[in-house]
Amino acid sequence: TFISITYRSVALMLSRKKYAEIDDRDVIDTSNYAKNEEVKQQSQLPGVKDPRLWRVKCRAGEEQATVIKLMRKSINLRINGDPLQIKSVVCPVGVKECVYIEAYKQSHVKSAIDGIKALNVGKWNQTMVP
């Protein structure tokens, strides 16, 4: 018991000394923390110059195969020197009968889906995701 009392007294003495040295200037101001987090999140939102996200209807059950076909088409056209003007194609899990294409203009989406039979359903109607 003598050792535990000694350890406790030493710990108490060290903690008093430590907290006695804390100055008001050492205290961190957290009042602006929420504002800073909000600014960080706002900076991650898409801007005016970022590409848009377009929803294109697809034949049911062929979403993943369609994304692969678009990828192959993009690679072939890039090799030939005429790349597609799209940034990405996504088919989220659980979302049926549509794919999402990231592009600057609707005309870029139309040129990308031209010739892909599974996307004939959405050939004339692509909707921009807000």
N, C-alpha and C. Protein backbone atom coordinates (compact mmCIF):
# COMPACT_ATOMS: atom_id res chain seq x y z
N THR A 1 0.82 -1.21 0.00
CA THR A 1 0.00 0.00 0.00
C THR A 1 0.85 1.25 0.00
N PHE A 2 2.04 1.16 0.56
CA PHE A 2 2.91 2.33 0.60
C PHE A 2 3.28 2.79 -0.81
N ILE A 3 3.53 1.84 -1.71
CA ILE A 3 3.91 2.17 -3.08
C ILE A 3 2.75 2.83 -3.81
N SER A 4 1.53 2.30 -3.65
CA SER A 4 0.39 2.89 -4.33
C SER A 4 0.10 4.30 -3.83
N ILE A 5 0.29 4.56 -2.55
CA ILE A 5 0.10 5.91 -2.03
C ILE A 5 1.15 6.84 -2.62
N THR A 6 2.36 6.37 -2.73
CA THR A 6 3.43 7.17 -3.29
C THR A 6 3.14 7.49 -4.76
N TYR A 7 2.72 6.49 -5.49
CA TYR A 7 2.38 6.74 -6.90
C TYR A 7 1.23 7.72 -7.03
N ARG A 8 0.22 7.57 -6.18
CA ARG A 8 -0.92 8.50 -6.22
C ARG A 8 -0.49 9.91 -5.88
N SER A 9 0.32 10.06 -4.89
CA SER A 9 0.74 11.41 -4.49
C SER A 9 1.61 12.05 -5.57
N VAL A 10 2.47 11.25 -6.18
CA VAL A 10 3.31 11.78 -7.27
C VAL A 10 2.43 12.16 -8.46
N ALA A 11 1.47 11.32 -8.80
CA ALA A 11 0.58 11.62 -9.91
C ALA A 11 -0.24 12.88 -9.63
N LEU A 12 -0.73 13.02 -8.41
CA LEU A 12 -1.50 14.19 -8.03
C LEU A 12 -0.64 15.45 -8.11
N MET A 13 0.59 15.35 -7.62
CA MET A 13 1.49 16.50 -7.65
C MET A 13 1.81 16.90 -9.09
N LEU A 14 2.07 15.91 -9.96
CA LEU A 14 2.37 16.21 -11.36
C LEU A 14 1.16 16.82 -12.08
N SER A 15 -0.02 16.31 -11.80
CA SER A 15 -1.19 16.87 -12.46
C SER A 15 -1.46 18.29 -12.02
N ARG A 16 -1.25 18.60 -10.72
CA ARG A 16 -1.42 19.98 -10.24
C ARG A 16 -0.42 20.90 -10.92
N LYS A 17 0.81 20.43 -11.05
CA LYS A 17 1.84 21.24 -11.68
C LYS A 17 1.52 21.46 -13.16
N LYS A 18 1.06 20.42 -13.81
CA LYS A 18 0.73 20.51 -15.24
C LYS A 18 -0.39 21.50 -15.48
N TYR A 19 -1.47 21.39 -14.72
CA TYR A 19 -2.63 22.24 -14.95
C TYR A 19 -2.42 23.65 -14.40
N ALA A 20 -1.47 23.83 -13.51
CA ALA A 20 -1.17 25.17 -13.01
C ALA A 20 -0.47 25.99 -14.08
N GLU A 21 0.23 25.30 -15.02
CA GLU A 21 0.96 26.01 -16.06
C GLU A 21 0.10 26.37 -17.27
N ILE A 22 -1.12 25.85 -17.32
CA ILE A 22 -1.98 26.14 -18.46
C ILE A 22 -2.43 27.59 -18.40
N ASP A 23 -2.28 28.26 -19.51
CA ASP A 23 -2.64 29.67 -19.62
C ASP A 23 -3.90 29.77 -20.46
N ASP A 24 -4.58 30.90 -20.39
CA ASP A 24 -5.77 31.11 -21.22
C ASP A 24 -5.43 31.07 -22.71
N ARG A 25 -4.22 31.41 -23.06
CA ARG A 25 -3.82 31.39 -24.47
C ARG A 25 -3.68 29.96 -25.00
N ASP A 26 -3.48 28.99 -24.12
CA ASP A 26 -3.31 27.61 -24.53
C ASP A 26 -4.64 26.91 -24.82
N VAL A 27 -5.74 27.49 -24.41
CA VAL A 27 -7.05 26.88 -24.61
C VAL A 27 -7.45 27.05 -26.07
N ILE A 28 -7.90 25.97 -26.69
CA ILE A 28 -8.26 25.98 -28.11
C ILE A 28 -9.68 26.52 -28.26
N ASP A 29 -9.85 27.46 -29.17
CA ASP A 29 -11.17 28.03 -29.44
C ASP A 29 -11.88 27.13 -30.44
N THR A 30 -12.98 26.52 -30.03
CA THR A 30 -13.72 25.62 -30.90
C THR A 30 -15.01 26.24 -31.43
N SER A 31 -15.20 27.52 -31.22
CA SER A 31 -16.45 28.14 -31.67
C SER A 31 -16.53 28.21 -33.19
N ASN A 32 -15.40 28.31 -33.86
CA ASN A 32 -15.41 28.40 -35.32
C ASN A 32 -15.28 27.04 -35.99
N TYR A 33 -15.23 25.96 -35.21
CA TYR A 33 -15.04 24.63 -35.77
C TYR A 33 -16.18 24.25 -36.71
N ALA A 34 -17.42 24.48 -36.29
CA ALA A 34 -18.58 24.13 -37.13
C ALA A 34 -18.57 24.95 -38.42
N LYS A 35 -18.18 26.20 -38.33
CA LYS A 35 -18.13 27.05 -39.53
C LYS A 35 -17.07 26.54 -40.49
N ASN A 36 -15.91 26.14 -39.95
CA ASN A 36 -14.84 25.63 -40.80
C ASN A 36 -15.25 24.32 -41.49
N GLU A 37 -15.95 23.45 -40.78
CA GLU A 37 -16.42 22.21 -41.38
C GLU A 37 -17.43 22.48 -42.49
N GLU A 38 -18.28 23.47 -42.28
CA GLU A 38 -19.27 23.82 -43.30
C GLU A 38 -18.58 24.36 -44.55
N VAL A 39 -17.56 25.16 -44.35
CA VAL A 39 -16.80 25.70 -45.49
C VAL A 39 -16.11 24.57 -46.23
N LYS A 40 -15.55 23.58 -45.51
CA LYS A 40 -14.91 22.44 -46.16
C LYS A 40 -15.91 21.68 -47.01
N GLN A 41 -17.10 21.45 -46.48
CA GLN A 41 -18.11 20.71 -47.22
C GLN A 41 -18.59 21.51 -48.42
N GLN A 42 -18.72 22.82 -48.28
CA GLN A 42 -19.14 23.66 -49.41
C GLN A 42 -18.10 23.62 -50.52
N SER A 43 -16.82 23.54 -50.16
CA SER A 43 -15.78 23.52 -51.19
C SER A 43 -15.77 22.21 -51.97
N GLN A 44 -16.38 21.15 -51.43
CA GLN A 44 -16.42 19.87 -52.12
C GLN A 44 -17.62 19.75 -53.06
N LEU A 45 -18.56 20.69 -53.00
CA LEU A 45 -19.71 20.65 -53.88
C LEU A 45 -19.29 21.02 -55.29
N PRO A 46 -19.97 20.49 -56.31
CA PRO A 46 -19.60 20.83 -57.68
C PRO A 46 -19.85 22.30 -57.99
N GLY A 47 -18.98 22.86 -58.79
CA GLY A 47 -19.10 24.25 -59.18
C GLY A 47 -19.70 24.39 -60.57
N VAL A 48 -19.70 25.60 -61.07
CA VAL A 48 -20.28 25.89 -62.37
C VAL A 48 -19.46 25.25 -63.50
N LYS A 49 -18.16 25.15 -63.31
CA LYS A 49 -17.29 24.63 -64.36
C LYS A 49 -17.11 23.11 -64.31
N ASP A 50 -17.71 22.45 -63.33
CA ASP A 50 -17.60 21.00 -63.21
C ASP A 50 -18.57 20.30 -64.16
N PRO A 51 -18.26 19.06 -64.58
CA PRO A 51 -19.19 18.34 -65.46
C PRO A 51 -20.49 18.00 -64.74
N ARG A 52 -21.54 17.84 -65.53
CA ARG A 52 -22.87 17.52 -65.00
C ARG A 52 -23.05 16.00 -64.97
N LEU A 53 -24.02 15.57 -64.16
CA LEU A 53 -24.35 14.16 -64.07
C LEU A 53 -25.68 13.94 -64.78
N TRP A 54 -25.70 13.05 -65.76
CA TRP A 54 -26.88 12.79 -66.58
C TRP A 54 -27.38 11.38 -66.32
N ARG A 55 -28.69 11.24 -66.14
CA ARG A 55 -29.32 9.93 -65.95
C ARG A 55 -29.88 9.48 -67.29
N VAL A 56 -29.49 8.28 -67.71
CA VAL A 56 -29.92 7.72 -68.99
C VAL A 56 -30.60 6.40 -68.72
N LYS A 57 -31.81 6.24 -69.25
CA LYS A 57 -32.54 4.97 -69.09
C LYS A 57 -31.82 3.87 -69.85
N CYS A 58 -31.87 2.68 -69.25
CA CYS A 58 -31.17 1.53 -69.80
C CYS A 58 -32.11 0.32 -69.76
N ARG A 59 -31.84 -0.66 -70.61
CA ARG A 59 -32.60 -1.88 -70.57
C ARG A 59 -32.36 -2.59 -69.24
N ALA A 60 -33.41 -3.15 -68.65
CA ALA A 60 -33.32 -3.78 -67.33
C ALA A 60 -32.35 -4.95 -67.34
N GLY A 61 -31.49 -4.99 -66.33
CA GLY A 61 -30.55 -6.08 -66.18
C GLY A 61 -29.27 -5.94 -66.96
N GLU A 62 -29.13 -4.90 -67.76
CA GLU A 62 -27.95 -4.74 -68.60
C GLU A 62 -27.13 -3.52 -68.20
N GLU A 63 -27.30 -3.05 -66.98
CA GLU A 63 -26.63 -1.83 -66.54
C GLU A 63 -25.11 -1.98 -66.52
N GLN A 64 -24.62 -3.03 -65.87
CA GLN A 64 -23.18 -3.23 -65.77
C GLN A 64 -22.54 -3.52 -67.12
N ALA A 65 -23.20 -4.32 -67.93
CA ALA A 65 -22.68 -4.62 -69.26
C ALA A 65 -22.62 -3.36 -70.12
N THR A 66 -23.58 -2.48 -69.93
CA THR A 66 -23.60 -1.22 -70.68
C THR A 66 -22.43 -0.33 -70.29
N VAL A 67 -22.12 -0.28 -69.00
CA VAL A 67 -20.98 0.51 -68.55
C VAL A 67 -19.68 -0.03 -69.16
N ILE A 68 -19.56 -1.34 -69.22
CA ILE A 68 -18.36 -1.95 -69.82
C ILE A 68 -18.30 -1.64 -71.31
N LYS A 69 -19.45 -1.68 -72.00
CA LYS A 69 -19.47 -1.34 -73.43
C LYS A 69 -19.06 0.11 -73.66
N LEU A 70 -19.54 1.01 -72.80
CA LEU A 70 -19.14 2.42 -72.93
C LEU A 70 -17.65 2.59 -72.67
N MET A 71 -17.11 1.85 -71.72
CA MET A 71 -15.68 1.92 -71.44
C MET A 71 -14.88 1.44 -72.65
N ARG A 72 -15.30 0.33 -73.24
CA ARG A 72 -14.60 -0.19 -74.43
C ARG A 72 -14.70 0.78 -75.61
N LYS A 73 -15.87 1.37 -75.77
CA LYS A 73 -16.05 2.35 -76.84
C LYS A 73 -15.14 3.55 -76.62
N SER A 74 -15.04 4.00 -75.38
CA SER A 74 -14.18 5.13 -75.05
C SER A 74 -12.72 4.83 -75.35
N ILE A 75 -12.28 3.62 -74.98
CA ILE A 75 -10.88 3.23 -75.23
C ILE A 75 -10.59 3.15 -76.73
N ASN A 76 -11.51 2.55 -77.49
CA ASN A 76 -11.31 2.43 -78.94
C ASN A 76 -11.27 3.79 -79.62
N LEU A 77 -12.16 4.68 -79.24
CA LEU A 77 -12.18 6.00 -79.85
C LEU A 77 -10.97 6.83 -79.44
N ARG A 78 -10.49 6.64 -78.24
CA ARG A 78 -9.29 7.36 -77.79
C ARG A 78 -8.07 6.90 -78.58
N ILE A 79 -7.98 5.60 -78.85
CA ILE A 79 -6.86 5.07 -79.64
C ILE A 79 -6.90 5.63 -81.06
N ASN A 80 -8.11 5.78 -81.61
CA ASN A 80 -8.26 6.30 -82.97
C ASN A 80 -8.13 7.82 -83.04
N GLY A 81 -7.99 8.50 -81.90
CA GLY A 81 -7.77 9.94 -81.91
C GLY A 81 -9.02 10.78 -81.78
N ASP A 82 -10.17 10.18 -81.54
CA ASP A 82 -11.41 10.92 -81.38
C ASP A 82 -12.10 10.50 -80.08
N PRO A 83 -11.56 10.94 -78.93
CA PRO A 83 -12.08 10.45 -77.64
C PRO A 83 -13.49 10.96 -77.34
N LEU A 84 -14.21 10.17 -76.55
CA LEU A 84 -15.53 10.61 -76.07
C LEU A 84 -15.34 11.77 -75.10
N GLN A 85 -16.29 12.65 -75.09
CA GLN A 85 -16.21 13.83 -74.22
C GLN A 85 -16.95 13.59 -72.90
N ILE A 86 -16.85 12.38 -72.36
CA ILE A 86 -17.47 12.08 -71.07
C ILE A 86 -16.37 11.81 -70.05
N LYS A 87 -16.68 12.05 -68.80
CA LYS A 87 -15.69 11.86 -67.74
C LYS A 87 -15.82 10.50 -67.06
N SER A 88 -17.07 10.06 -66.82
CA SER A 88 -17.25 8.77 -66.15
C SER A 88 -18.64 8.23 -66.43
N VAL A 89 -18.79 6.92 -66.19
CA VAL A 89 -20.08 6.25 -66.31
C VAL A 89 -20.23 5.39 -65.06
N VAL A 90 -21.41 5.45 -64.44
CA VAL A 90 -21.63 4.74 -63.19
C VAL A 90 -22.98 4.04 -63.23
N CYS A 91 -23.02 2.83 -62.69
CA CYS A 91 -24.30 2.16 -62.45
C CYS A 91 -24.31 1.74 -60.99
N PRO A 92 -24.92 2.53 -60.12
CA PRO A 92 -24.91 2.19 -58.69
C PRO A 92 -25.66 0.90 -58.41
N VAL A 93 -25.19 0.16 -57.42
CA VAL A 93 -25.83 -1.08 -57.01
C VAL A 93 -27.20 -0.75 -56.43
N GLY A 94 -28.21 -1.47 -56.86
CA GLY A 94 -29.56 -1.25 -56.35
C GLY A 94 -30.40 -0.31 -57.20
N VAL A 95 -29.78 0.42 -58.10
CA VAL A 95 -30.52 1.31 -59.00
C VAL A 95 -30.77 0.54 -60.29
N LYS A 96 -32.03 0.41 -60.65
CA LYS A 96 -32.40 -0.40 -61.82
C LYS A 96 -32.72 0.49 -63.02
N GLU A 97 -32.46 -0.03 -64.18
CA GLU A 97 -32.85 0.54 -65.47
C GLU A 97 -32.31 1.93 -65.76
N CYS A 98 -31.14 2.27 -65.21
CA CYS A 98 -30.51 3.53 -65.61
C CYS A 98 -29.02 3.50 -65.29
N VAL A 99 -28.28 4.31 -66.03
CA VAL A 99 -26.86 4.54 -65.77
C VAL A 99 -26.67 6.04 -65.67
N TYR A 100 -25.62 6.44 -64.98
CA TYR A 100 -25.31 7.86 -64.83
C TYR A 100 -24.03 8.16 -65.58
N ILE A 101 -24.09 9.20 -66.42
CA ILE A 101 -22.94 9.59 -67.24
C ILE A 101 -22.55 11.01 -66.85
N GLU A 102 -21.26 11.19 -66.57
CA GLU A 102 -20.74 12.50 -66.21
C GLU A 102 -20.14 13.15 -67.46
N ALA A 103 -20.73 14.28 -67.87
CA ALA A 103 -20.26 14.98 -69.06
C ALA A 103 -20.62 16.46 -68.94
N TYR A 104 -19.97 17.28 -69.76
CA TYR A 104 -20.23 18.71 -69.71
C TYR A 104 -21.53 19.09 -70.42
N LYS A 105 -21.84 18.41 -71.53
CA LYS A 105 -23.01 18.77 -72.32
C LYS A 105 -23.84 17.54 -72.64
N GLN A 106 -25.11 17.77 -72.91
CA GLN A 106 -26.01 16.68 -73.28
C GLN A 106 -25.59 16.09 -74.63
N SER A 107 -25.06 16.91 -75.50
CA SER A 107 -24.62 16.40 -76.81
C SER A 107 -23.46 15.40 -76.65
N HIS A 108 -22.63 15.58 -75.63
CA HIS A 108 -21.55 14.62 -75.38
C HIS A 108 -22.12 13.28 -74.93
N VAL A 109 -23.20 13.34 -74.13
CA VAL A 109 -23.85 12.11 -73.68
C VAL A 109 -24.48 11.39 -74.88
N LYS A 110 -25.15 12.15 -75.75
CA LYS A 110 -25.80 11.56 -76.92
C LYS A 110 -24.78 10.88 -77.83
N SER A 111 -23.63 11.51 -78.03
CA SER A 111 -22.61 10.89 -78.88
C SER A 111 -22.02 9.65 -78.22
N ALA A 112 -21.97 9.62 -76.90
CA ALA A 112 -21.43 8.46 -76.21
C ALA A 112 -22.37 7.26 -76.28
N ILE A 113 -23.68 7.50 -76.17
CA ILE A 113 -24.63 6.38 -76.14
C ILE A 113 -25.07 5.95 -77.53
N ASP A 114 -24.64 6.67 -78.55
CA ASP A 114 -25.00 6.32 -79.92
C ASP A 114 -24.38 4.97 -80.29
N GLY A 115 -25.23 4.05 -80.73
CA GLY A 115 -24.77 2.74 -81.16
C GLY A 115 -24.81 1.67 -80.07
N ILE A 116 -25.19 2.03 -78.86
CA ILE A 116 -25.29 1.04 -77.79
C ILE A 116 -26.77 0.68 -77.61
N LYS A 117 -27.12 -0.55 -77.97
CA LYS A 117 -28.53 -0.96 -78.04
C LYS A 117 -29.24 -0.91 -76.70
N ALA A 118 -28.53 -1.21 -75.62
CA ALA A 118 -29.17 -1.22 -74.30
C ALA A 118 -29.59 0.19 -73.87
N LEU A 119 -29.00 1.21 -74.49
CA LEU A 119 -29.33 2.59 -74.14
C LEU A 119 -30.29 3.23 -75.14
N ASN A 120 -30.83 2.46 -76.07
CA ASN A 120 -31.80 3.00 -77.03
C ASN A 120 -33.05 3.52 -76.32
N VAL A 121 -33.37 2.95 -75.16
CA VAL A 121 -34.53 3.39 -74.39
C VAL A 121 -34.36 4.86 -73.98
N GLY A 122 -33.15 5.26 -73.62
CA GLY A 122 -32.88 6.62 -73.18
C GLY A 122 -32.21 7.50 -74.20
N LYS A 123 -32.28 7.09 -75.47
CA LYS A 123 -31.58 7.84 -76.51
C LYS A 123 -32.11 9.25 -76.68
N TRP A 124 -33.39 9.44 -76.50
CA TRP A 124 -33.98 10.75 -76.73
C TRP A 124 -34.29 11.51 -75.45
N ASN A 125 -34.08 10.87 -74.31
CA ASN A 125 -34.42 11.53 -73.06
C ASN A 125 -33.35 11.28 -72.01
N GLN A 126 -32.43 12.22 -71.86
CA GLN A 126 -31.44 12.17 -70.80
C GLN A 126 -31.76 13.31 -69.83
N THR A 127 -31.82 12.98 -68.56
CA THR A 127 -32.17 14.01 -67.58
C THR A 127 -30.95 14.34 -66.74
N MET A 128 -30.75 15.64 -66.51
CA MET A 128 -29.63 16.07 -65.69
C MET A 128 -30.01 15.91 -64.22
N VAL A 129 -29.10 15.34 -63.44
CA VAL A 129 -29.34 15.15 -62.01
C VAL A 129 -29.01 16.46 -61.31
N PRO A 130 -29.95 16.97 -60.51
CA PRO A 130 -29.69 18.26 -59.85
C PRO A 130 -28.61 18.16 -58.79
